[in-house]
Amino acid sequence: MPIDTEPIEGNWYEAMEDGARFFVVTVDEDEGIVELQHDDGTPEEITLDAWHEADLTAIAPPDEVGLFDDSLDQDDEDQDGCQRENLEDDNWGEPLSELDE
């Protein structure tokens, strides 16, 4: 029998059935919806009824840096490359042209 754990915005939980980890983004009592975000970044909405039927346990937030963005390192490299190309193309040593008023 599942332990009834209340959804709390910003708290992390783990599904005992499959080990899925996620945190609660919002709880809409009026609509009966819980908005989740899984540790891989995938969003999901479930009903409050489904929440209370699931076997969930509260967990500590993960320690991983960049948990939701596997491409973080790749984006940084691409951005650095773009910045170097832009620096080569621009004339940084010249004064700005005057603006029309």
C-alpha atoms as a PDB file:
ATOM      1  CA  MET A   1       0.000   0.000   0.000  1.00  0.00           C
ATOM      2  CA  PRO A   2       1.422   3.407  -1.002  1.00  0.00           C
ATOM      3  CA  ILE A   3       2.355   5.911   1.654  1.00  0.00           C
ATOM      4  CA  ASP A   4       0.311   9.076   1.113  1.00  0.00           C
ATOM      5  CA  THR A   5       2.847  11.858   0.609  1.00  0.00           C
ATOM      6  CA  GLU A   6       1.575  15.365  -0.044  1.00  0.00           C
ATOM      7  CA  PRO A   7       3.027  17.190  -3.087  1.00  0.00           C
ATOM      8  CA  ILE A   8       4.990  20.259  -1.984  1.00  0.00           C
ATOM      9  CA  GLU A   9       6.207  22.761  -4.578  1.00  0.00           C
ATOM     10  CA  GLY A  10       9.994  22.686  -4.952  1.00  0.00           C
ATOM     11  CA  ASN A  11      10.436  19.352  -3.142  1.00  0.00           C
ATOM     12  CA  TRP A  12      12.008  16.275  -4.738  1.00  0.00           C
ATOM     13  CA  TYR A  13      10.409  12.831  -4.780  1.00  0.00           C
ATOM     14  CA  GLU A  14      11.226   9.344  -5.996  1.00  0.00           C
ATOM     15  CA  ALA A  15       8.738   6.821  -7.365  1.00  0.00           C
ATOM     16  CA  MET A  16       9.312   3.587  -5.477  1.00  0.00           C
ATOM     17  CA  GLU A  17       8.051   1.504  -8.407  1.00  0.00           C
ATOM     18  CA  ASP A  18      10.612   2.556 -11.027  1.00  0.00           C
ATOM     19  CA  GLY A  19      13.070   4.871  -9.224  1.00  0.00           C
ATOM     20  CA  ALA A  20      12.063   7.933 -11.274  1.00  0.00           C
ATOM     21  CA  ARG A  21      13.193  11.171  -9.584  1.00  0.00           C
ATOM     22  CA  PHE A  22      11.388  14.471 -10.045  1.00  0.00           C
ATOM     23  CA  PHE A  23      10.452  17.676  -8.291  1.00  0.00           C
ATOM     24  CA  VAL A  24       7.091  19.376  -7.960  1.00  0.00           C
ATOM     25  CA  VAL A  25       6.871  22.594  -9.971  1.00  0.00           C
ATOM     26  CA  THR A  26       3.320  23.568  -9.025  1.00  0.00           C
ATOM     27  CA  VAL A  27       0.278  22.145  -7.282  1.00  0.00           C
ATOM     28  CA  ASP A  28      -3.086  23.401  -8.516  1.00  0.00           C
ATOM     29  CA  GLU A  29      -5.648  22.286  -5.936  1.00  0.00           C
ATOM     30  CA  ASP A  30      -8.531  23.894  -7.865  1.00  0.00           C
ATOM     31  CA  GLU A  31      -7.729  22.013 -11.088  1.00  0.00           C
ATOM     32  CA  GLY A  32      -6.488  18.894  -9.282  1.00  0.00           C
ATOM     33  CA  ILE A  33      -3.175  18.930 -11.166  1.00  0.00           C
ATOM     34  CA  VAL A  34       0.441  18.459 -10.048  1.00  0.00           C
ATOM     35  CA  GLU A  35       3.104  19.722 -12.475  1.00  0.00           C
ATOM     36  CA  LEU A  36       6.388  17.791 -12.235  1.00  0.00           C
ATOM     37  CA  GLN A  37       9.819  18.021 -13.778  1.00  0.00           C
ATOM     38  CA  HIS A  38      11.831  14.822 -13.991  1.00  0.00           C
ATOM     39  CA  ASP A  39      15.579  14.725 -13.360  1.00  0.00           C
ATOM     40  CA  ASP A  40      16.182  14.543 -17.129  1.00  0.00           C
ATOM     41  CA  GLY A  41      14.239  17.799 -17.591  1.00  0.00           C
ATOM     42  CA  THR A  42      11.039  16.221 -18.910  1.00  0.00           C
ATOM     43  CA  PRO A  43       7.915  18.029 -17.687  1.00  0.00           C
ATOM     44  CA  GLU A  44       4.777  16.097 -16.758  1.00  0.00           C
ATOM     45  CA  GLU A  45       1.344  16.843 -15.361  1.00  0.00           C
ATOM     46  CA  ILE A  46      -0.551  14.316 -13.265  1.00  0.00           C
ATOM     47  CA  THR A  47      -3.793  14.481 -11.350  1.00  0.00           C
ATOM     48  CA  LEU A  48      -3.832  14.777  -7.584  1.00  0.00           C
ATOM     49  CA  ASP A  49      -5.670  11.432  -7.543  1.00  0.00           C
ATOM     50  CA  ALA A  50      -2.815   9.788  -9.478  1.00  0.00           C
ATOM     51  CA  TRP A  51      -0.326  11.420  -7.088  1.00  0.00           C
ATOM     52  CA  HIS A  52      -2.047   9.936  -4.053  1.00  0.00           C
ATOM     53  CA  GLU A  53      -2.261   6.486  -5.690  1.00  0.00           C
ATOM     54  CA  ALA A  54       1.481   6.417  -6.451  1.00  0.00           C
ATOM     55  CA  ASP A  55       4.059   5.025  -4.034  1.00  0.00           C
ATOM     56  CA  LEU A  56       6.316   8.076  -3.605  1.00  0.00           C
ATOM     57  CA  THR A  57       8.912   9.087  -1.090  1.00  0.00           C
ATOM     58  CA  ALA A  58      10.416  12.525  -0.462  1.00  0.00           C
ATOM     59  CA  ILE A  59      14.149  12.721  -1.239  1.00  0.00           C
ATOM     60  CA  ALA A  60      16.935  15.274  -0.905  1.00  0.00           C
ATOM     61  CA  PRO A  61      17.650  17.356  -4.016  1.00  0.00           C
ATOM     62  CA  PRO A  62      20.262  15.780  -6.298  1.00  0.00           C
ATOM     63  CA  ASP A  63      23.826  17.099  -6.067  1.00  0.00           C
ATOM     64  CA  GLU A  64      24.539  16.901  -9.800  1.00  0.00           C
ATOM     65  CA  VAL A  65      25.502  20.169 -11.443  1.00  0.00           C
ATOM     66  CA  GLY A  66      23.691  20.757 -14.724  1.00  0.00           C
ATOM     67  CA  LEU A  67      21.194  18.015 -13.904  1.00  0.00           C
ATOM     68  CA  PHE A  68      18.683  19.200 -16.497  1.00  0.00           C
ATOM     69  CA  ASP A  69      21.087  20.159 -19.277  1.00  0.00           C
ATOM     70  CA  ASP A  70      23.263  17.388 -20.687  1.00  0.00           C
ATOM     71  CA  SER A  71      24.398  19.736 -23.452  1.00  0.00           C
ATOM     72  CA  LEU A  72      25.730  22.397 -21.052  1.00  0.00           C
ATOM     73  CA  ASP A  73      29.382  21.693 -21.885  1.00  0.00           C
ATOM     74  CA  GLN A  74      28.663  21.560 -25.610  1.00  0.00           C
ATOM     75  CA  ASP A  75      26.808  24.888 -25.528  1.00  0.00           C
ATOM     76  CA  ASP A  76      29.713  26.531 -23.690  1.00  0.00           C
ATOM     77  CA  GLU A  77      32.165  25.294 -26.332  1.00  0.00           C
ATOM     78  CA  ASP A  78      29.939  26.495 -29.185  1.00  0.00           C
ATOM     79  CA  GLN A  79      29.507  29.881 -27.538  1.00  0.00           C
ATOM     80  CA  ASP A  80      33.259  30.277 -27.019  1.00  0.00           C
ATOM     81  CA  GLY A  81      33.852  29.410 -30.674  1.00  0.00           C
ATOM     82  CA  CYS A  82      31.314  31.982 -31.801  1.00  0.00           C
ATOM     83  CA  GLN A  83      32.852  34.623 -29.603  1.00  0.00           C
ATOM     84  CA  ARG A  84      36.320  33.987 -31.040  1.00  0.00           C
ATOM     85  CA  GLU A  85      34.989  34.196 -34.602  1.00  0.00           C
ATOM     86  CA  ASN A  86      33.194  37.443 -33.809  1.00  0.00           C
ATOM     87  CA  LEU A  87      36.342  38.921 -32.274  1.00  0.00           C
ATOM     88  CA  GLU A  88      38.315  38.126 -35.427  1.00  0.00           C
ATOM     89  CA  ASP A  89      35.668  39.726 -37.660  1.00  0.00           C
ATOM     90  CA  ASP A  90      35.174  42.913 -35.633  1.00  0.00           C
ATOM     91  CA  ASN A  91      37.472  45.907 -35.348  1.00  0.00           C
ATOM     92  CA  TRP A  92      37.576  46.275 -31.575  1.00  0.00           C
ATOM     93  CA  GLY A  93      40.438  48.750 -31.578  1.00  0.00           C
ATOM     94  CA  GLU A  94      38.593  51.388 -33.621  1.00  0.00           C
ATOM     95  CA  PRO A  95      36.352  54.066 -32.055  1.00  0.00           C
ATOM     96  CA  LEU A  96      32.598  53.789 -32.399  1.00  0.00           C
ATOM     97  CA  SER A  97      30.986  55.627 -35.261  1.00  0.00           C
ATOM     98  CA  GLU A  98      28.947  58.653 -34.227  1.00  0.00           C
ATOM     99  CA  LEU A  99      25.237  58.176 -33.711  1.00  0.00           C
ATOM    100  CA  ASP A 100      22.685  60.328 -35.498  1.00  0.00           C
ATOM    101  CA  GLU A 101      20.563  62.267 -33.047  1.00  0.00           C
END
